[in-house]
N, C-alpha and C. Protein backbone atom coordinates (compact mmCIF):
# COMPACT_ATOMS: atom_id res chain seq x y z
N MET A 1 0.82 -1.20 0.00
CA MET A 1 0.00 0.00 0.00
C MET A 1 0.86 1.26 0.00
N SER A 2 2.02 1.23 0.70
CA SER A 2 2.88 2.41 0.75
C SER A 2 3.38 2.79 -0.64
N PHE A 3 3.62 1.78 -1.52
CA PHE A 3 4.07 2.07 -2.89
C PHE A 3 2.98 2.80 -3.65
N MET A 4 1.71 2.39 -3.48
CA MET A 4 0.61 3.05 -4.18
C MET A 4 0.48 4.49 -3.73
N LEU A 5 0.67 4.76 -2.43
CA LEU A 5 0.57 6.12 -1.93
C LEU A 5 1.63 7.00 -2.58
N PHE A 6 2.83 6.52 -2.68
CA PHE A 6 3.89 7.31 -3.30
C PHE A 6 3.56 7.58 -4.76
N ASP A 7 3.04 6.57 -5.44
CA ASP A 7 2.69 6.71 -6.84
C ASP A 7 1.59 7.75 -7.01
N LEU A 8 0.59 7.77 -6.15
CA LEU A 8 -0.49 8.74 -6.24
C LEU A 8 0.00 10.15 -5.93
N GLN A 9 0.89 10.26 -4.97
CA GLN A 9 1.44 11.58 -4.65
C GLN A 9 2.13 12.17 -5.87
N GLN A 10 2.94 11.36 -6.55
CA GLN A 10 3.65 11.83 -7.73
C GLN A 10 2.68 12.15 -8.86
N LEU A 11 1.68 11.30 -9.07
CA LEU A 11 0.72 11.51 -10.14
C LEU A 11 -0.14 12.74 -9.87
N TYR A 12 -0.48 12.97 -8.61
CA TYR A 12 -1.25 14.16 -8.26
C TYR A 12 -0.44 15.42 -8.58
N ARG A 13 0.82 15.41 -8.23
CA ARG A 13 1.67 16.57 -8.50
C ARG A 13 1.79 16.82 -10.00
N GLN A 14 1.93 15.76 -10.79
CA GLN A 14 2.04 15.93 -12.24
C GLN A 14 0.74 16.43 -12.87
N THR A 15 -0.42 16.00 -12.32
CA THR A 15 -1.71 16.31 -12.93
C THR A 15 -2.27 17.64 -12.46
N PHE A 16 -2.28 17.85 -11.12
CA PHE A 16 -2.94 19.02 -10.55
C PHE A 16 -1.96 20.05 -10.00
N GLY A 17 -0.71 19.65 -9.78
CA GLY A 17 0.24 20.54 -9.11
C GLY A 17 0.06 20.44 -7.61
N GLY A 18 1.09 20.76 -6.86
CA GLY A 18 1.00 20.67 -5.41
C GLY A 18 1.08 19.23 -4.94
N ARG A 19 0.91 19.06 -3.65
CA ARG A 19 1.00 17.73 -3.06
C ARG A 19 0.08 17.66 -1.86
N PRO A 20 -0.91 16.75 -1.84
CA PRO A 20 -1.81 16.64 -0.69
C PRO A 20 -1.05 16.28 0.58
N TYR A 21 -1.51 16.84 1.69
CA TYR A 21 -0.89 16.58 2.99
C TYR A 21 -1.25 15.18 3.46
N GLN A 22 -0.27 14.45 3.94
CA GLN A 22 -0.50 13.10 4.45
C GLN A 22 -0.61 13.16 5.97
N ILE A 23 -1.81 12.92 6.49
CA ILE A 23 -2.03 13.02 7.93
C ILE A 23 -1.48 11.78 8.61
N GLY A 24 -0.82 11.99 9.74
CA GLY A 24 -0.30 10.86 10.49
C GLY A 24 1.16 10.60 10.15
N ASN A 25 1.72 9.63 10.82
CA ASN A 25 3.14 9.30 10.65
C ASN A 25 3.30 8.35 9.48
N GLU A 26 4.05 8.78 8.45
CA GLU A 26 4.24 7.95 7.26
C GLU A 26 5.42 6.99 7.40
N GLN A 27 6.23 7.16 8.41
CA GLN A 27 7.49 6.45 8.46
C GLN A 27 7.30 5.00 8.94
N GLY A 28 7.82 4.08 8.16
CA GLY A 28 7.92 2.69 8.61
C GLY A 28 6.61 2.00 8.87
N SER A 29 5.57 2.29 8.15
CA SER A 29 4.29 1.65 8.38
C SER A 29 3.85 0.92 7.12
N PRO A 30 4.02 -0.41 7.05
CA PRO A 30 3.65 -1.13 5.83
C PRO A 30 2.16 -1.15 5.58
N GLU A 31 1.34 -0.88 6.58
CA GLU A 31 -0.11 -0.92 6.43
C GLU A 31 -0.70 0.48 6.33
N LEU A 32 0.11 1.45 5.93
CA LEU A 32 -0.35 2.83 5.84
C LEU A 32 -1.49 2.97 4.85
N THR A 33 -2.50 3.74 5.22
CA THR A 33 -3.61 4.04 4.32
C THR A 33 -3.70 5.55 4.17
N PRO A 34 -4.39 6.05 3.14
CA PRO A 34 -4.49 7.50 2.95
C PRO A 34 -5.32 8.19 4.01
N PHE A 35 -5.95 7.44 4.92
CA PHE A 35 -6.91 8.06 5.81
C PHE A 35 -6.50 7.87 7.26
N VAL A 36 -5.26 8.16 7.59
CA VAL A 36 -4.78 8.01 8.95
C VAL A 36 -4.77 9.38 9.62
N ILE A 37 -5.57 9.55 10.67
CA ILE A 37 -5.63 10.80 11.41
C ILE A 37 -5.23 10.54 12.85
N ASP A 38 -4.15 11.18 13.28
CA ASP A 38 -3.63 11.00 14.63
C ASP A 38 -3.36 9.54 14.95
N GLY A 39 -2.89 8.80 13.94
CA GLY A 39 -2.51 7.43 14.17
C GLY A 39 -3.64 6.43 14.16
N GLN A 40 -4.89 6.88 13.94
CA GLN A 40 -6.03 5.97 13.92
C GLN A 40 -6.63 5.95 12.53
N ASN A 41 -7.03 4.76 12.07
CA ASN A 41 -7.66 4.64 10.77
C ASN A 41 -9.03 5.30 10.80
N THR A 42 -9.22 6.29 9.98
CA THR A 42 -10.45 7.07 9.99
C THR A 42 -10.91 7.26 8.56
N SER A 43 -12.17 6.93 8.29
CA SER A 43 -12.69 7.14 6.95
C SER A 43 -13.50 8.41 6.88
N LEU A 44 -14.50 8.56 7.73
CA LEU A 44 -15.34 9.76 7.75
C LEU A 44 -15.55 10.19 9.19
N THR A 45 -15.79 11.48 9.42
CA THR A 45 -16.12 11.95 10.74
C THR A 45 -17.46 12.65 10.69
N GLN A 46 -18.05 12.86 11.84
CA GLN A 46 -19.33 13.54 11.92
C GLN A 46 -19.09 15.05 11.99
N VAL A 47 -20.19 15.78 12.21
CA VAL A 47 -20.11 17.24 12.14
C VAL A 47 -19.18 17.83 13.19
N SER A 48 -18.95 17.12 14.29
CA SER A 48 -18.08 17.63 15.35
C SER A 48 -16.62 17.42 15.00
N GLY A 49 -16.21 17.96 13.86
CA GLY A 49 -14.84 17.77 13.39
C GLY A 49 -14.01 19.03 13.51
N SER A 50 -14.21 19.82 14.58
CA SER A 50 -13.52 21.09 14.70
C SER A 50 -12.01 20.92 14.80
N GLN A 51 -11.55 19.77 15.32
CA GLN A 51 -10.12 19.54 15.41
C GLN A 51 -9.49 19.48 14.03
N LEU A 52 -10.23 18.91 13.07
CA LEU A 52 -9.73 18.87 11.69
C LEU A 52 -9.55 20.28 11.15
N VAL A 53 -10.52 21.15 11.42
CA VAL A 53 -10.44 22.52 10.91
C VAL A 53 -9.25 23.25 11.50
N GLY A 54 -9.03 23.10 12.80
CA GLY A 54 -7.94 23.80 13.46
C GLY A 54 -6.57 23.36 12.99
N ASP A 55 -6.42 22.07 12.73
CA ASP A 55 -5.10 21.53 12.41
C ASP A 55 -4.77 21.56 10.92
N TYR A 56 -5.80 21.43 10.07
CA TYR A 56 -5.51 21.19 8.66
C TYR A 56 -6.17 22.19 7.73
N LEU A 57 -6.66 23.33 8.25
CA LEU A 57 -7.30 24.34 7.41
C LEU A 57 -6.31 24.86 6.38
N GLY A 58 -6.74 24.93 5.12
CA GLY A 58 -5.91 25.47 4.06
C GLY A 58 -4.97 24.47 3.42
N LYS A 59 -5.00 23.22 3.87
CA LYS A 59 -4.13 22.20 3.30
C LYS A 59 -4.95 21.21 2.47
N GLU A 60 -4.38 20.79 1.35
CA GLU A 60 -5.00 19.71 0.58
C GLU A 60 -4.66 18.40 1.27
N ILE A 61 -5.70 17.63 1.60
CA ILE A 61 -5.51 16.41 2.38
C ILE A 61 -6.22 15.27 1.67
N TRP A 62 -5.57 14.11 1.62
CA TRP A 62 -6.29 12.93 1.15
C TRP A 62 -7.46 12.69 2.10
N LEU A 63 -8.67 12.85 1.61
CA LEU A 63 -9.84 12.75 2.47
C LEU A 63 -10.95 12.05 1.70
N PRO A 64 -11.42 10.91 2.18
CA PRO A 64 -12.43 10.16 1.43
C PRO A 64 -13.74 10.91 1.32
N ILE A 65 -14.42 10.74 0.19
CA ILE A 65 -15.69 11.41 -0.09
C ILE A 65 -16.72 10.35 -0.42
N LYS A 66 -17.91 10.49 0.14
CA LYS A 66 -18.95 9.50 -0.09
C LYS A 66 -20.23 10.21 -0.53
N PHE A 67 -20.80 9.75 -1.64
CA PHE A 67 -22.13 10.16 -2.07
C PHE A 67 -23.12 9.11 -1.58
N ILE A 68 -24.15 9.53 -0.86
CA ILE A 68 -25.07 8.58 -0.24
C ILE A 68 -26.49 8.81 -0.75
N GLY A 69 -27.34 7.82 -0.48
CA GLY A 69 -28.74 7.91 -0.89
C GLY A 69 -28.94 7.82 -2.39
N LEU A 70 -28.07 7.11 -3.09
CA LEU A 70 -28.17 6.99 -4.54
C LEU A 70 -29.20 5.94 -4.94
N ASP A 71 -29.69 6.04 -6.15
CA ASP A 71 -30.65 5.09 -6.69
C ASP A 71 -29.91 3.80 -7.07
N ALA A 72 -30.17 2.74 -6.33
CA ALA A 72 -29.46 1.49 -6.56
C ALA A 72 -29.75 0.90 -7.93
N SER A 73 -30.91 1.23 -8.52
CA SER A 73 -31.22 0.71 -9.84
C SER A 73 -30.33 1.33 -10.92
N LEU A 74 -29.79 2.52 -10.67
CA LEU A 74 -28.88 3.17 -11.61
C LEU A 74 -27.43 2.81 -11.35
N PHE A 75 -27.06 2.77 -10.09
CA PHE A 75 -25.65 2.62 -9.73
C PHE A 75 -25.28 1.20 -9.28
N GLY A 76 -26.30 0.40 -8.98
CA GLY A 76 -26.01 -0.92 -8.43
C GLY A 76 -25.61 -0.87 -6.97
N MET A 77 -25.73 0.31 -6.37
CA MET A 77 -25.38 0.52 -4.97
C MET A 77 -26.02 1.83 -4.52
N SER A 78 -26.18 2.00 -3.23
CA SER A 78 -26.79 3.23 -2.70
C SER A 78 -25.75 4.24 -2.25
N GLU A 79 -24.48 3.84 -2.20
CA GLU A 79 -23.40 4.74 -1.79
C GLU A 79 -22.22 4.61 -2.74
N LEU A 80 -21.61 5.74 -3.05
CA LEU A 80 -20.43 5.76 -3.91
C LEU A 80 -19.27 6.39 -3.14
N MET A 81 -18.22 5.63 -2.97
CA MET A 81 -17.06 6.09 -2.22
C MET A 81 -15.94 6.49 -3.18
N LEU A 82 -15.38 7.68 -2.98
CA LEU A 82 -14.22 8.15 -3.73
C LEU A 82 -13.07 8.33 -2.73
N PRO A 83 -12.31 7.29 -2.46
CA PRO A 83 -11.32 7.35 -1.38
C PRO A 83 -10.09 8.19 -1.69
N TYR A 84 -9.67 8.25 -2.95
CA TYR A 84 -8.42 8.93 -3.29
C TYR A 84 -8.75 10.34 -3.78
N SER A 85 -9.16 11.21 -2.86
CA SER A 85 -9.66 12.53 -3.24
C SER A 85 -9.20 13.60 -2.27
N VAL A 86 -9.19 14.83 -2.77
CA VAL A 86 -9.05 16.01 -1.92
C VAL A 86 -10.22 16.92 -2.23
N ILE A 87 -10.59 17.78 -1.29
CA ILE A 87 -11.74 18.66 -1.49
C ILE A 87 -11.42 20.06 -0.99
N LYS A 88 -11.92 21.04 -1.72
CA LYS A 88 -11.74 22.45 -1.37
C LYS A 88 -13.12 23.09 -1.27
N ILE A 89 -13.33 23.93 -0.26
CA ILE A 89 -14.62 24.60 -0.06
C ILE A 89 -14.40 26.10 -0.07
N SER A 90 -15.30 26.83 -0.74
CA SER A 90 -15.23 28.29 -0.74
C SER A 90 -16.65 28.85 -0.75
N SER A 91 -16.78 30.06 -0.25
CA SER A 91 -18.07 30.76 -0.25
C SER A 91 -17.80 32.24 -0.06
N LYS A 92 -18.79 33.06 -0.33
CA LYS A 92 -18.67 34.49 -0.09
C LYS A 92 -20.03 35.06 0.29
N LYS A 93 -20.00 36.26 0.84
CA LYS A 93 -21.22 36.93 1.27
C LYS A 93 -21.59 38.03 0.28
N THR A 94 -22.87 38.25 0.14
CA THR A 94 -23.35 39.41 -0.59
C THR A 94 -23.66 40.49 0.45
N ILE A 95 -22.93 41.60 0.40
CA ILE A 95 -23.05 42.65 1.40
C ILE A 95 -23.43 43.96 0.72
N VAL A 96 -24.45 44.61 1.25
CA VAL A 96 -24.86 45.91 0.74
C VAL A 96 -24.05 46.99 1.47
N LYS A 97 -23.36 47.83 0.70
CA LYS A 97 -22.52 48.89 1.27
C LYS A 97 -23.13 50.25 0.94
N THR A 98 -23.34 51.06 1.96
CA THR A 98 -23.96 52.37 1.78
C THR A 98 -22.99 53.46 2.24
N GLU A 99 -22.73 54.44 1.36
CA GLU A 99 -21.87 55.55 1.72
C GLU A 99 -22.68 56.63 2.44
N LEU A 100 -22.09 57.21 3.47
CA LEU A 100 -22.74 58.29 4.23
C LEU A 100 -21.87 59.54 4.16
N ALA A 101 -22.53 60.68 4.11
CA ALA A 101 -21.81 61.95 4.06
C ALA A 101 -21.07 62.18 5.37
N GLU A 102 -19.89 62.77 5.25
CA GLU A 102 -19.06 63.17 6.38
C GLU A 102 -18.71 61.98 7.28
N ARG A 103 -18.53 60.84 6.65
CA ARG A 103 -18.12 59.65 7.42
C ARG A 103 -17.17 58.82 6.56
N LYS A 104 -16.12 58.34 7.21
CA LYS A 104 -15.18 57.48 6.50
C LYS A 104 -15.77 56.09 6.30
N GLY A 105 -15.44 55.51 5.15
CA GLY A 105 -15.89 54.15 4.89
C GLY A 105 -17.37 54.08 4.54
N THR A 106 -17.95 52.92 4.69
CA THR A 106 -19.34 52.68 4.34
C THR A 106 -20.04 51.94 5.47
N VAL A 107 -21.36 52.03 5.47
CA VAL A 107 -22.19 51.22 6.37
C VAL A 107 -22.49 49.92 5.65
N LYS A 108 -22.20 48.82 6.30
CA LYS A 108 -22.36 47.52 5.67
C LYS A 108 -23.52 46.75 6.29
N GLU A 109 -24.34 46.21 5.42
CA GLU A 109 -25.49 45.43 5.86
C GLU A 109 -25.41 44.06 5.19
N LEU A 110 -25.38 43.01 6.01
CA LEU A 110 -25.31 41.66 5.47
C LEU A 110 -26.59 41.33 4.74
N PHE A 111 -26.45 40.99 3.48
CA PHE A 111 -27.63 40.66 2.68
C PHE A 111 -27.87 39.15 2.67
N SER A 112 -26.84 38.39 2.38
CA SER A 112 -27.00 36.93 2.38
C SER A 112 -25.64 36.25 2.30
N VAL A 113 -25.61 35.00 2.75
CA VAL A 113 -24.44 34.14 2.57
C VAL A 113 -24.73 33.26 1.37
N GLU A 114 -23.85 33.30 0.37
CA GLU A 114 -24.09 32.55 -0.84
C GLU A 114 -23.81 31.06 -0.64
N ASP A 115 -24.12 30.27 -1.66
CA ASP A 115 -23.91 28.82 -1.58
C ASP A 115 -22.44 28.50 -1.38
N TYR A 116 -22.20 27.33 -0.81
CA TYR A 116 -20.82 26.84 -0.70
C TYR A 116 -20.43 26.17 -2.01
N ASN A 117 -19.27 26.54 -2.51
CA ASN A 117 -18.73 25.92 -3.72
C ASN A 117 -17.64 24.94 -3.32
N MET A 118 -17.67 23.77 -3.92
CA MET A 118 -16.71 22.72 -3.59
C MET A 118 -16.03 22.22 -4.84
N GLN A 119 -14.76 21.94 -4.73
CA GLN A 119 -14.03 21.32 -5.83
C GLN A 119 -13.37 20.05 -5.33
N ILE A 120 -13.66 18.96 -6.02
CA ILE A 120 -13.09 17.66 -5.68
C ILE A 120 -12.08 17.29 -6.76
N LYS A 121 -10.89 16.91 -6.34
CA LYS A 121 -9.87 16.42 -7.25
C LYS A 121 -9.37 15.08 -6.72
N GLY A 122 -9.18 14.15 -7.63
CA GLY A 122 -8.71 12.85 -7.16
C GLY A 122 -8.53 11.87 -8.29
N PHE A 123 -8.60 10.59 -7.93
CA PHE A 123 -8.34 9.53 -8.90
C PHE A 123 -9.39 8.42 -8.74
N VAL A 124 -9.78 7.84 -9.87
CA VAL A 124 -10.52 6.58 -9.84
C VAL A 124 -9.54 5.50 -10.28
N ILE A 125 -9.58 4.38 -9.58
CA ILE A 125 -8.57 3.34 -9.77
C ILE A 125 -9.25 1.98 -9.91
N ASP A 126 -8.83 1.23 -10.90
CA ASP A 126 -9.26 -0.15 -10.99
C ASP A 126 -8.36 -0.97 -10.07
N GLU A 127 -8.94 -1.54 -9.03
CA GLU A 127 -8.16 -2.25 -8.03
C GLU A 127 -8.23 -3.75 -8.21
N SER A 128 -8.71 -4.21 -9.36
CA SER A 128 -8.71 -5.65 -9.63
C SER A 128 -7.28 -6.14 -9.83
N PRO A 129 -7.04 -7.42 -9.67
CA PRO A 129 -5.67 -7.94 -9.84
C PRO A 129 -5.08 -7.67 -11.22
N ASN A 130 -5.96 -7.54 -12.25
CA ASN A 130 -5.46 -7.32 -13.61
C ASN A 130 -5.04 -5.89 -13.89
N ARG A 131 -5.46 -4.95 -13.03
CA ARG A 131 -5.10 -3.53 -13.19
C ARG A 131 -5.44 -3.03 -14.60
N ILE A 132 -6.72 -3.06 -14.95
CA ILE A 132 -7.15 -2.65 -16.28
C ILE A 132 -7.67 -1.22 -16.25
N TRP A 133 -8.01 -0.69 -17.44
CA TRP A 133 -8.58 0.64 -17.58
C TRP A 133 -9.85 0.74 -16.73
N PRO A 134 -10.01 1.78 -15.88
CA PRO A 134 -11.14 1.85 -14.94
C PRO A 134 -12.44 2.27 -15.63
N GLU A 135 -12.89 1.49 -16.58
CA GLU A 135 -14.08 1.86 -17.37
C GLU A 135 -15.32 1.95 -16.50
N GLN A 136 -15.55 0.95 -15.67
CA GLN A 136 -16.76 0.94 -14.86
C GLN A 136 -16.78 2.11 -13.88
N GLU A 137 -15.65 2.44 -13.31
CA GLU A 137 -15.57 3.57 -12.38
C GLU A 137 -15.88 4.88 -13.09
N LEU A 138 -15.41 5.03 -14.33
CA LEU A 138 -15.67 6.25 -15.09
C LEU A 138 -17.15 6.33 -15.51
N ILE A 139 -17.75 5.18 -15.83
CA ILE A 139 -19.19 5.16 -16.15
C ILE A 139 -20.00 5.59 -14.93
N THR A 140 -19.59 5.16 -13.76
CA THR A 140 -20.29 5.55 -12.53
C THR A 140 -20.17 7.05 -12.30
N LEU A 141 -18.99 7.62 -12.53
CA LEU A 141 -18.81 9.06 -12.40
C LEU A 141 -19.70 9.82 -13.39
N ARG A 142 -19.77 9.34 -14.63
CA ARG A 142 -20.60 9.98 -15.64
C ARG A 142 -22.07 9.92 -15.24
N THR A 143 -22.53 8.77 -14.76
CA THR A 143 -23.92 8.63 -14.32
C THR A 143 -24.24 9.58 -13.18
N LEU A 144 -23.31 9.72 -12.24
CA LEU A 144 -23.50 10.64 -11.13
C LEU A 144 -23.61 12.07 -11.62
N TYR A 145 -22.73 12.45 -12.55
CA TYR A 145 -22.73 13.81 -13.08
C TYR A 145 -24.01 14.12 -13.86
N GLU A 146 -24.53 13.14 -14.59
CA GLU A 146 -25.70 13.38 -15.43
C GLU A 146 -27.02 13.34 -14.68
N LEU A 147 -27.00 13.06 -13.39
CA LEU A 147 -28.23 13.10 -12.60
C LEU A 147 -28.81 14.50 -12.61
N ASN A 148 -30.09 14.61 -12.83
CA ASN A 148 -30.76 15.92 -12.83
C ASN A 148 -31.38 16.20 -11.47
N GLU A 149 -30.63 15.97 -10.43
CA GLU A 149 -31.12 16.20 -9.08
C GLU A 149 -29.94 16.38 -8.14
N ALA A 150 -30.21 16.96 -6.99
CA ALA A 150 -29.18 17.14 -5.97
C ALA A 150 -28.91 15.81 -5.28
N VAL A 151 -27.70 15.65 -4.77
CA VAL A 151 -27.31 14.41 -4.10
C VAL A 151 -26.74 14.75 -2.72
N GLN A 152 -26.69 13.74 -1.87
CA GLN A 152 -26.15 13.91 -0.52
C GLN A 152 -24.67 13.60 -0.51
N LEU A 153 -23.91 14.42 0.20
CA LEU A 153 -22.47 14.27 0.28
C LEU A 153 -22.07 14.07 1.74
N ASP A 154 -21.23 13.07 1.98
CA ASP A 154 -20.74 12.79 3.32
C ASP A 154 -19.22 12.86 3.31
N ASN A 155 -18.68 13.83 4.07
CA ASN A 155 -17.24 14.05 4.07
C ASN A 155 -16.86 14.77 5.37
N ALA A 156 -15.68 14.48 5.89
CA ALA A 156 -15.28 15.06 7.17
C ALA A 156 -15.30 16.58 7.16
N LEU A 157 -14.94 17.20 6.03
CA LEU A 157 -14.88 18.66 5.96
C LEU A 157 -16.26 19.26 5.64
N THR A 158 -16.94 18.71 4.64
CA THR A 158 -18.22 19.29 4.24
C THR A 158 -19.28 19.11 5.32
N ASN A 159 -19.16 18.08 6.16
CA ASN A 159 -20.13 17.89 7.24
C ASN A 159 -20.11 19.05 8.23
N ILE A 160 -19.01 19.78 8.28
CA ILE A 160 -18.92 20.93 9.18
C ILE A 160 -19.69 22.11 8.62
N PHE A 161 -19.72 22.26 7.30
CA PHE A 161 -20.29 23.44 6.67
C PHE A 161 -21.71 23.23 6.16
N LEU A 162 -22.06 22.01 5.82
CA LEU A 162 -23.38 21.74 5.28
C LEU A 162 -24.31 21.21 6.37
N ASP A 163 -25.56 21.66 6.34
CA ASP A 163 -26.54 21.16 7.29
C ASP A 163 -26.82 19.69 7.01
N LYS A 164 -27.45 19.04 7.97
CA LYS A 164 -27.70 17.60 7.86
C LYS A 164 -28.50 17.24 6.62
N ASP A 165 -29.51 18.07 6.29
CA ASP A 165 -30.38 17.77 5.16
C ASP A 165 -29.96 18.49 3.88
N GLN A 166 -28.83 19.18 3.92
CA GLN A 166 -28.41 19.94 2.75
C GLN A 166 -27.76 19.02 1.72
N ARG A 167 -28.05 19.30 0.47
CA ARG A 167 -27.51 18.48 -0.62
C ARG A 167 -26.60 19.32 -1.51
N VAL A 168 -26.01 18.67 -2.49
CA VAL A 168 -25.13 19.36 -3.43
C VAL A 168 -25.54 19.01 -4.85
N VAL A 169 -25.28 19.94 -5.77
CA VAL A 169 -25.48 19.68 -7.19
C VAL A 169 -24.11 19.69 -7.86
N ILE A 170 -23.94 18.83 -8.84
CA ILE A 170 -22.67 18.72 -9.55
C ILE A 170 -22.74 19.61 -10.77
N GLU A 171 -21.90 20.63 -10.82
CA GLU A 171 -21.92 21.60 -11.90
C GLU A 171 -21.04 21.20 -13.07
N SER A 172 -19.90 20.58 -12.80
CA SER A 172 -18.99 20.24 -13.89
C SER A 172 -18.17 19.02 -13.52
N LEU A 173 -17.73 18.32 -14.55
CA LEU A 173 -16.86 17.16 -14.40
C LEU A 173 -15.76 17.25 -15.45
N GLU A 174 -14.53 17.08 -15.03
CA GLU A 174 -13.39 17.18 -15.94
C GLU A 174 -12.48 15.98 -15.75
N LEU A 175 -12.02 15.42 -16.86
CA LEU A 175 -11.04 14.34 -16.84
C LEU A 175 -9.77 14.86 -17.51
N PRO A 176 -8.80 15.31 -16.72
CA PRO A 176 -7.58 15.88 -17.31
C PRO A 176 -6.82 14.86 -18.14
N GLU A 177 -6.03 15.37 -19.08
CA GLU A 177 -5.20 14.49 -19.89
C GLU A 177 -4.14 13.85 -19.01
N VAL A 178 -3.73 12.66 -19.40
CA VAL A 178 -2.73 11.91 -18.64
C VAL A 178 -1.51 11.69 -19.52
N GLU A 179 -0.35 12.05 -19.00
CA GLU A 179 0.91 11.81 -19.69
C GLU A 179 1.70 10.78 -18.90
N GLY A 180 1.89 9.61 -19.49
CA GLY A 180 2.56 8.56 -18.76
C GLY A 180 1.66 8.01 -17.67
N GLY A 181 2.25 7.63 -16.56
CA GLY A 181 1.47 7.11 -15.45
C GLY A 181 1.02 5.68 -15.69
N ARG A 182 0.01 5.27 -14.98
CA ARG A 182 -0.49 3.91 -15.06
C ARG A 182 -1.88 3.91 -15.67
N LYS A 183 -2.16 2.94 -16.53
CA LYS A 183 -3.42 2.95 -17.26
C LYS A 183 -4.61 2.66 -16.37
N HIS A 184 -4.42 2.05 -15.20
CA HIS A 184 -5.56 1.72 -14.33
C HIS A 184 -5.90 2.87 -13.39
N ILE A 185 -5.20 4.01 -13.51
CA ILE A 185 -5.47 5.18 -12.67
C ILE A 185 -5.88 6.34 -13.57
N ARG A 186 -7.02 6.96 -13.27
CA ARG A 186 -7.49 8.08 -14.09
C ARG A 186 -7.85 9.26 -13.18
N PRO A 187 -7.23 10.44 -13.38
CA PRO A 187 -7.56 11.61 -12.56
C PRO A 187 -8.89 12.22 -12.99
N PHE A 188 -9.55 12.88 -12.04
CA PHE A 188 -10.79 13.59 -12.34
C PHE A 188 -10.87 14.84 -11.48
N SER A 189 -11.69 15.78 -11.93
CA SER A 189 -11.96 17.01 -11.18
C SER A 189 -13.45 17.29 -11.28
N MET A 190 -14.07 17.64 -10.16
CA MET A 190 -15.51 17.83 -10.10
C MET A 190 -15.83 19.10 -9.31
N THR A 191 -16.74 19.91 -9.82
CA THR A 191 -17.18 21.13 -9.13
C THR A 191 -18.62 20.95 -8.67
N LEU A 192 -18.86 21.29 -7.40
CA LEU A 192 -20.19 21.13 -6.80
C LEU A 192 -20.62 22.41 -6.12
N GLU A 193 -21.91 22.53 -5.86
CA GLU A 193 -22.47 23.68 -5.16
C GLU A 193 -23.56 23.21 -4.21
N SER A 194 -23.58 23.78 -3.01
CA SER A 194 -24.59 23.39 -2.04
C SER A 194 -25.98 23.78 -2.51
N ASP A 195 -26.96 22.99 -2.13
CA ASP A 195 -28.34 23.21 -2.55
C ASP A 195 -29.24 23.00 -1.33
N SER A 196 -29.76 24.09 -0.79
CA SER A 196 -30.60 24.00 0.40
C SER A 196 -32.02 23.61 0.02
N ILE A 197 -32.69 22.91 0.93
CA ILE A 197 -34.07 22.50 0.73
C ILE A 197 -34.99 23.51 1.40
N PHE A 198 -35.92 24.07 0.63
CA PHE A 198 -36.85 25.06 1.17
C PHE A 198 -38.27 24.49 1.14
N THR A 199 -39.04 24.83 2.14
CA THR A 199 -40.44 24.45 2.18
C THR A 199 -41.29 25.69 2.01
N LEU A 200 -42.09 25.75 0.94
CA LEU A 200 -42.94 26.89 0.68
C LEU A 200 -44.30 26.68 1.35
N GLU A 201 -44.76 27.69 2.05
CA GLU A 201 -46.05 27.63 2.71
C GLU A 201 -46.97 28.66 2.10
N LEU A 202 -48.15 28.21 1.68
CA LEU A 202 -49.15 29.09 1.08
C LEU A 202 -50.12 29.53 2.15
N GLU A 203 -50.40 30.82 2.19
CA GLU A 203 -51.35 31.36 3.17
C GLU A 203 -52.61 31.83 2.46
C-alpha cells in the first residue's frame, strides 16, 4: 500500500500541481492508508470535526468522499465512495454597502451568505488484480454527473459546513489528460455547489 501512496502523490503533482498533505506518521508503516488521522484509521467523521479545521485548514488532504442515498437501480449501490480525493470549499457573502456623508468608509449590511462551492480532485482506480482501464468507475462518475437532481455528500470537511439535510449539485466534471502514469489510474476534477431544501407555505 505504501508504494501506491507514493505513486499517487507523484501523479497528483504531475496532474494538478501541489501535493496533498498526508495526515499521520508515514514512516515505517507497511499498512499505511491514505486516511490516517492522529494514528487511527479514519474514513469519515461527523459534524463535530472542529479539530480537523484547526489543524488542517488550508491544506489539501487525502480525504475520502462519499455520495449517499443513490438510486441502486442506476448505480447498483446506494453509496459511492471516492477514497483517493481532496476537497476544497469556498463561499462568499453578498453585502450591501452604503456611503454616508461626512463619514469614513461605508455602512455595511449583510444581505446573504451565498452557496458553498466545492471542488473535488482525485483519482478513480481499478483495483482488480489485472489492473485494467477503470471503465466501470468512469461510467459511474458519468452517471453521477448526469443526474438531474441534488445528491447527498458525506465528508469530514463538508459535514462541518453543510446542514444535515443539505444536498449538493454537480456543476462540472473534468477528466484531465494523462501523460505517462499507469493505465488503471485516471484523474478527475468535479465542481459542486450546495443546494438548500426550502419548504414553501401558502397562506
